[in-house]
Protein backbone atom coordinates (compact mmCIF):
# COMPACT_ATOMS: atom_id res chain seq x y z
CA MET A 1 -326.67 -2.22 10.93
CA LYS A 2 -325.84 -1.52 14.18
CA THR A 3 -324.23 2.08 12.23
CA LEU A 4 -327.81 2.70 10.86
CA LEU A 5 -329.91 1.96 13.80
CA ALA A 6 -327.58 4.03 16.21
CA PHE A 7 -328.15 7.13 13.54
CA ILE A 8 -331.44 6.46 13.45
CA LEU A 9 -331.71 6.52 16.91
CA LEU A 10 -330.33 9.88 17.06
CA THR A 11 -332.25 11.57 14.43
CA LEU A 12 -335.18 10.59 16.96
CA ILE A 13 -333.81 11.98 19.86
CA PHE A 14 -332.65 15.23 17.98
CA ILE A 15 -336.37 15.55 16.99
CA SER A 16 -337.78 15.65 19.86
CA ALA A 17 -335.41 17.37 21.65
CA CYS A 18 -336.50 20.06 19.19
CA SER A 19 -339.98 19.77 19.52
CA SER A 20 -339.86 20.11 23.68
CA GLY A 21 -337.75 23.74 22.71
CA ILE A 22 -340.47 24.78 20.04
CA SER A 23 -343.31 23.84 22.42
CA LYS A 24 -341.59 25.61 25.44
CA HIS A 25 -340.74 28.53 23.07
CA GLN A 26 -344.46 28.95 21.75
CA LYS A 27 -346.17 28.91 25.17
CA ARG A 28 -343.35 31.31 26.50
CA SER A 29 -344.58 32.96 23.11
CA LYS A 30 -348.26 33.28 24.28
CA LYS A 31 -347.52 33.99 27.83
CA TYR A 32 -345.90 37.18 26.43
CA SER A 33 -348.52 37.91 24.02
CA SER A 34 -351.16 38.04 26.84
CA GLN A 35 -348.73 40.51 29.06
CA VAL A 36 -348.67 42.57 26.18
CA LYS A 37 -352.34 42.69 25.73
CA GLU A 38 -352.87 43.28 29.56
CA ASN A 39 -350.70 46.10 29.62
CA SER A 40 -352.16 47.77 26.01
CA LEU A 41 -355.46 47.07 27.74
CA GLN A 42 -354.27 48.99 30.97
CA LEU A 43 -352.45 52.20 28.45
CA GLN A 44 -356.19 52.70 26.86
CA PRO A 45 -357.18 54.49 29.03
CA HIS A 46 -354.10 56.71 29.52
CA THR A 47 -353.74 57.05 25.59
CA LYS A 48 -357.49 58.95 26.08
CA LEU A 49 -356.31 61.21 28.55
CA ASP A 50 -353.52 61.91 27.30
CA LYS A 51 -355.43 62.94 23.51
CA ARG A 52 -357.44 65.77 25.71
CA LYS A 53 -355.46 69.02 27.14
CA PRO A 54 -354.01 69.07 31.11
CA LYS A 55 -356.28 71.20 33.55
CA LYS A 56 -353.73 73.55 33.60
CA TYR A 57 -353.68 73.86 29.92
CA ARG A 58 -357.73 74.29 30.61
CA LYS A 59 -357.67 76.79 32.93
CA HIS A 60 -354.82 79.05 31.25
CA LYS A 61 -357.12 78.85 28.39
CA LYS A 62 -360.29 79.82 30.21
CA ARG A 63 -357.92 82.49 32.32
CA THR A 64 -356.69 83.61 28.57
CA LYS A 65 -360.44 84.15 27.30
CA LYS A 66 -361.19 85.82 30.18
CA HIS A 67 -358.17 88.74 29.73
CA LYS A 68 -359.07 88.80 25.98
CA ARG A 69 -362.69 90.10 27.29
CA GLN A 70 -361.36 92.61 29.47
CA PHE A 71 -358.78 93.51 27.03
CA LYS A 72 -361.83 94.58 24.74
CA LYS A 73 -363.53 96.24 27.13
CA TYR A 74 -361.00 98.21 28.29
CA LYS A 75 -360.23 99.18 23.99
CA ARG A 76 -363.78 100.21 24.26
CA GLN A 77 -363.46 102.30 27.09
CA SER A 78 -360.61 104.04 26.36
CA LYS A 79 -362.08 104.87 22.21
CA LYS A 80 -365.35 106.15 24.19
CA TYR A 81 -362.26 108.59 26.55
CA LYS A 82 -360.96 109.36 23.67
CA GLU A 83 -364.11 110.42 21.83
CA GLN A 84 -364.75 112.42 25.00
CA SER A 85 -361.07 114.15 25.12
CA LYS A 86 -361.73 115.06 21.57
CA LYS A 87 -365.15 116.77 22.29
CA PHE A 88 -363.54 118.06 25.49
CA PRO A 89 -360.14 118.32 25.19
CA LEU A 90 -357.66 118.50 28.48
CA PHE A 91 -355.55 121.37 28.31
CA SER A 92 -354.98 124.62 28.70
CA SER A 93 -354.43 127.32 26.16
CA SER A 94 -351.05 128.19 27.28
CA GLY A 95 -349.72 124.97 28.27
CA PRO A 96 -349.13 120.94 27.68
CA MET A 97 -352.31 118.44 27.83
CA LEU A 98 -353.52 117.88 31.15
CA LEU A 99 -354.11 114.17 32.28
CA PRO A 100 -357.38 113.06 34.46
CA THR A 101 -355.15 113.20 37.60
CA VAL A 102 -351.65 113.97 38.75
CA ILE A 103 -349.23 113.89 41.45
CA HIS A 104 -348.44 117.32 42.66
CA LYS A 105 -344.51 117.75 43.25
CA VAL A 106 -344.58 119.50 46.61
CA ASP A 107 -346.10 117.25 49.24
CA SER A 108 -346.91 114.08 46.28
CA THR A 109 -350.66 114.19 46.52
CA LEU A 110 -352.63 112.65 44.38
CA MET A 111 -354.83 115.57 42.65
CA VAL A 112 -358.02 114.53 40.35
CA LEU A 113 -358.69 117.06 37.47
CA ILE A 114 -362.15 119.17 37.57
CA ASN A 115 -363.36 119.95 33.82
CA PRO A 116 -366.16 122.26 33.88
CA LEU A 117 -367.06 121.56 30.32
CA VAL A 118 -367.60 118.03 30.43
CA ASP A 119 -371.20 116.80 30.38
CA LYS A 120 -371.48 115.05 33.19
CA THR A 121 -374.93 113.09 33.96
CA TYR A 122 -374.94 114.04 37.61
CA GLN A 123 -377.12 116.68 38.65
CA SER A 124 -376.69 118.61 41.31
CA LYS A 125 -380.13 118.58 43.39
CA SER A 126 -380.89 121.71 45.32
CA GLN A 127 -381.53 121.26 49.28
CA GLN A 128 -381.11 124.06 50.92
CA ARG A 129 -381.54 124.15 54.51
CA ASN A 130 -379.16 126.77 56.02
CA LEU A 131 -379.34 129.94 53.89
CA GLU A 132 -382.66 130.80 51.87
CA SER A 133 -380.83 132.12 48.30
CA PRO A 134 -381.02 129.39 45.50
CA ILE A 135 -377.83 127.50 44.13
CA ASP A 136 -377.49 126.87 40.50
CA LEU A 137 -374.96 125.13 39.82
CA SER A 138 -375.44 125.42 36.11
CA ILE A 139 -374.57 128.75 35.29
CA ASN A 140 -371.31 128.61 38.30
CA GLN A 141 -370.41 125.46 35.87
CA LYS A 142 -369.89 128.12 32.64
CA LYS A 143 -367.97 130.74 34.77
CA MET A 144 -365.37 128.47 35.87
CA HIS A 145 -361.84 127.06 34.96
CA ILE A 146 -360.43 123.73 34.85
CA PHE A 147 -359.09 123.10 37.91
CA TYR A 148 -357.21 120.39 40.02
CA ILE A 149 -358.45 119.15 43.93
CA ASP A 150 -357.16 116.67 46.55
CA HIS A 151 -358.14 112.94 45.59
CA THR A 152 -358.98 113.14 49.63
CA GLU A 153 -358.86 115.73 52.47
CA VAL A 154 -355.96 116.44 53.93
CA THR A 155 -354.27 114.11 56.72
CA THR A 156 -352.56 114.90 59.86
CA ASP A 157 -349.59 113.23 58.67
CA GLN A 158 -349.40 115.82 55.46
CA TYR A 159 -350.75 119.27 57.54
CA LYS A 160 -347.69 118.68 60.37
CA LYS A 161 -345.48 119.06 57.96
CA THR A 162 -346.31 122.47 57.96
CA HIS A 163 -347.57 123.10 61.13
CA PRO A 164 -345.20 121.02 63.60
CA SER A 165 -346.31 122.12 66.24
CA HIS A 166 -349.52 121.10 65.64
CA ASN A 167 -351.42 118.58 68.23
CA PRO A 168 -353.20 116.14 66.57
CA ILE A 169 -356.40 115.49 68.46
CA SER A 170 -356.17 111.40 69.72
CA ILE A 171 -358.84 108.83 69.35
CA ASN A 172 -359.27 106.17 71.85
CA GLY A 173 -356.12 107.47 72.89
CA GLU A 174 -354.33 106.48 69.33
CA ILE A 175 -353.21 109.43 66.65
CA CYS A 176 -353.95 108.20 63.24
CA LEU A 177 -351.42 110.07 60.81
CA LEU A 178 -353.96 108.98 58.25
CA CYS A 179 -356.98 110.12 59.18
CA PRO A 180 -357.50 114.07 58.14
CA ALA A 181 -356.09 116.95 60.00
CA MET A 182 -358.84 117.82 62.78
CA SER A 183 -359.09 121.45 64.62
CA VAL A 184 -358.00 123.36 61.89
CA ASP A 185 -359.38 126.98 61.40
CA TRP A 186 -359.54 128.51 58.28
CA ILE A 187 -356.51 130.55 58.18
CA SER A 188 -354.17 127.51 59.46
CA ALA A 189 -355.89 126.14 56.34
CA LYS A 190 -355.26 128.42 53.63
CA LYS A 191 -351.78 128.99 54.76
CA HIS A 192 -351.08 124.62 54.27
CA CYS A 193 -352.62 125.15 50.67
CA GLN A 194 -350.17 128.22 49.78
CA THR A 195 -347.18 126.89 51.34
CA VAL A 196 -347.53 123.49 49.42
CA GLY A 197 -348.24 125.80 46.22
CA LYS A 198 -352.15 124.87 46.13
CA ARG A 199 -355.11 127.14 47.07
CA LEU A 200 -358.25 126.07 49.48
CA PRO A 201 -361.32 125.29 46.64
CA THR A 202 -364.49 128.14 46.09
CA GLU A 203 -367.55 126.63 47.25
CA ALA A 204 -368.52 126.63 43.46
CA GLU A 205 -365.41 124.32 43.25
CA TRP A 206 -366.05 122.02 45.93
CA GLU A 207 -369.26 121.54 44.74
CA LEU A 208 -368.80 120.66 41.28
CA ALA A 209 -366.20 118.15 42.31
CA ALA A 210 -368.95 116.84 44.59
CA LEU A 211 -371.69 115.94 41.94
CA GLY A 212 -372.83 112.33 41.56
CA SER A 213 -371.73 111.48 45.08
CA PRO A 214 -374.69 109.44 46.54
CA TRP A 215 -376.15 112.46 48.90
CA ASN A 216 -378.70 112.00 51.77
CA LYS A 217 -378.88 107.67 51.22
CA GLY A 218 -378.24 107.16 55.08
CA ILE A 219 -376.24 104.05 53.92
CA LYS A 220 -373.13 103.30 55.77
CA LYS A 221 -371.18 101.92 52.76
CA PHE A 222 -371.09 105.55 51.28
CA ALA A 223 -369.58 108.17 54.24
CA ASN A 224 -369.22 108.62 57.34
CA LEU A 225 -371.08 110.09 59.52
CA ILE A 226 -372.79 110.17 63.46
CA GLY A 227 -372.61 106.79 64.93
CA ASP A 228 -370.62 103.50 64.56
CA ASN A 229 -373.47 101.84 61.72
CA ASP A 230 -370.93 103.04 59.26
CA GLY A 231 -367.82 100.92 60.78
CA PHE A 232 -366.86 104.17 62.52
CA SER A 233 -368.09 105.28 66.03
CA ALA A 234 -364.87 108.94 65.12
CA VAL A 235 -362.97 110.06 62.24
CA ALA A 236 -361.69 107.17 59.49
CA PRO A 237 -358.70 107.54 57.50
CA VAL A 238 -359.07 108.68 54.07
CA GLY A 239 -360.31 106.95 51.24
CA SER A 240 -362.17 104.56 53.79
CA PHE A 241 -365.58 105.23 51.71
CA PRO A 242 -364.92 104.51 48.09
CA ALA A 243 -368.37 103.95 47.08
CA GLY A 244 -368.88 107.19 48.14
CA ALA A 245 -366.94 108.66 45.66
CA GLY A 246 -368.67 110.98 42.96
CA SER A 247 -368.62 111.55 39.15
CA TYR A 248 -365.07 112.55 38.94
CA GLY A 249 -363.80 109.98 41.55
CA VAL A 250 -363.00 112.26 44.22
CA LEU A 251 -363.45 110.83 47.83
CA ASP A 252 -364.69 111.73 50.76
CA MET A 253 -367.20 114.91 50.10
CA ILE A 254 -369.59 113.44 52.39
CA GLY A 255 -369.04 113.39 55.93
CA ASN A 256 -365.64 112.65 58.06
CA VAL A 257 -364.86 116.32 58.30
CA TRP A 258 -366.63 118.81 57.79
CA GLU A 259 -364.00 121.04 54.67
CA TRP A 260 -363.34 124.67 54.46
CA VAL A 261 -364.21 126.66 51.51
CA ASP A 262 -362.67 130.10 50.11
CA THR A 263 -365.34 132.08 49.24
CA PRO A 264 -369.23 131.92 48.18
CA HIS A 265 -370.69 131.66 45.32
CA SER A 266 -374.31 132.45 44.76
CA PRO A 267 -375.73 135.27 46.92
CA LEU A 268 -375.97 135.96 50.52
CA PRO A 269 -379.30 136.95 51.98
CA LYS A 270 -378.04 140.57 53.76
CA LYS A 271 -378.46 139.09 57.45
CA SER A 272 -376.49 136.65 56.83
CA LYS A 273 -373.31 136.58 59.19
CA LEU A 274 -371.02 136.15 56.36
CA HIS A 275 -372.51 139.05 54.55
CA GLU A 276 -371.96 141.29 57.83
CA ASN A 277 -368.78 140.08 59.02
CA LYS A 278 -365.93 138.97 56.96
CA ASN A 279 -364.48 136.64 59.88
CA TYR A 280 -367.38 133.96 58.83
CA LYS A 281 -366.63 131.44 55.95
CA ILE A 282 -368.19 128.19 54.90
CA VAL A 283 -367.59 124.23 56.05
CA LYS A 284 -369.00 121.90 53.26
CA GLY A 285 -369.87 118.36 53.06
CA GLY A 286 -370.57 117.23 57.16
CA GLY A 287 -368.42 115.68 59.43
CA TRP A 288 -368.25 112.73 61.62
CA THR A 289 -370.81 114.00 64.23
CA SER A 290 -373.50 115.14 61.43
CA PRO A 291 -376.56 113.54 60.59
CA SER A 292 -377.86 112.45 56.92
CA SER A 293 -379.52 115.78 56.34
CA PHE A 294 -376.31 117.67 56.26
CA ALA A 295 -374.62 115.24 53.91
CA SER A 296 -376.10 117.96 51.28
CA ILE A 297 -374.47 119.24 48.42
CA ASP A 298 -374.86 122.75 49.47
CA TYR A 299 -375.27 122.60 52.65
CA ARG A 300 -373.61 125.50 54.30
CA ASN A 301 -372.83 125.58 57.54
CA ILE A 302 -371.63 129.53 58.48
CA VAL A 303 -369.00 129.83 61.33
CA ALA A 304 -366.02 131.93 62.62
CA ARG A 305 -363.15 131.49 60.20
CA ASP A 306 -360.68 131.26 63.74
CA ILE A 307 -362.80 128.59 64.96
CA LYS A 308 -360.98 125.54 65.72
CA ASN A 309 -363.50 121.97 65.56
CA PRO A 310 -362.61 119.20 66.18
CA THR A 311 -364.49 117.86 63.09
CA PHE A 312 -363.17 120.65 60.95
CA GLY A 313 -360.92 119.72 58.28
CA PHE A 314 -359.98 120.45 54.35
CA ARG A 315 -358.51 119.63 51.16
CA CYS A 316 -356.44 121.55 48.59
CA ALA A 317 -357.29 122.75 45.13
CA LYS A 318 -355.29 124.16 42.37
CA SER A 319 -355.59 126.03 38.87
CA PRO A 320 -353.46 124.40 36.24
CA SER A 321 -350.11 126.34 35.20
């Protein structure tokens, strides 16, 4: 009997111990499940964000779309240029195809191709102020051939390579090597061009290259003329006024320095200095001391060819070989 009672007592103790263990386990389970639920709630916003693309990816996607649009625009422009090239082939009868620009092999200058056959929308408006004879550029274009012309004026640095003894003008006590070569007479300008395998442009070539420039606008961003409203009280480095480029992309045809040309292209009055004396030549385009009234595509400044004026410079041209 005692044995039976002892067995029953041990059984009850065992059952109570198990039930307390189960309750503790249930409490822990509830606590753990609540923590899991809380962590799940905290992770939900991050999960939603993860479904969206990162900011860097979105920015990259926008850039990609922008590049695609630019590429499509480039393809359209290339197609248009190819059509123009077919209509007006830029090649000589005896040589390879000519590119719109070329680096001259002697002086490493950038030269722009000028094709008189290409129908530019810009027209030269005659505003003759010096000589009374009219200029009809359209007639001269028919007689002209393809040629190259320097993208900018010849700089002081370039000119000193052919004229080492040249004493450049200092502006505010400093010499600007990237500014146009100044105080250059017609003879020296012609010599420089010949030395590097080029020549001075004719008046007709110069005017054709200048077509489309914003002449007589009088706005400071277009050219370096008299005064400092354009940002320069004196001469400026070449290429400082890209907004003043013409339809062929040639820079600085307006202002900065007057530019020597070789031969006139229209009839001259019999009483003109140029007609009476071959020692007189023409400079074009106006300089940094010129009023806007001189910034005319067909304005002719007739001067002695040996004059060395601080506002006189030049650029070279070249016929395709």
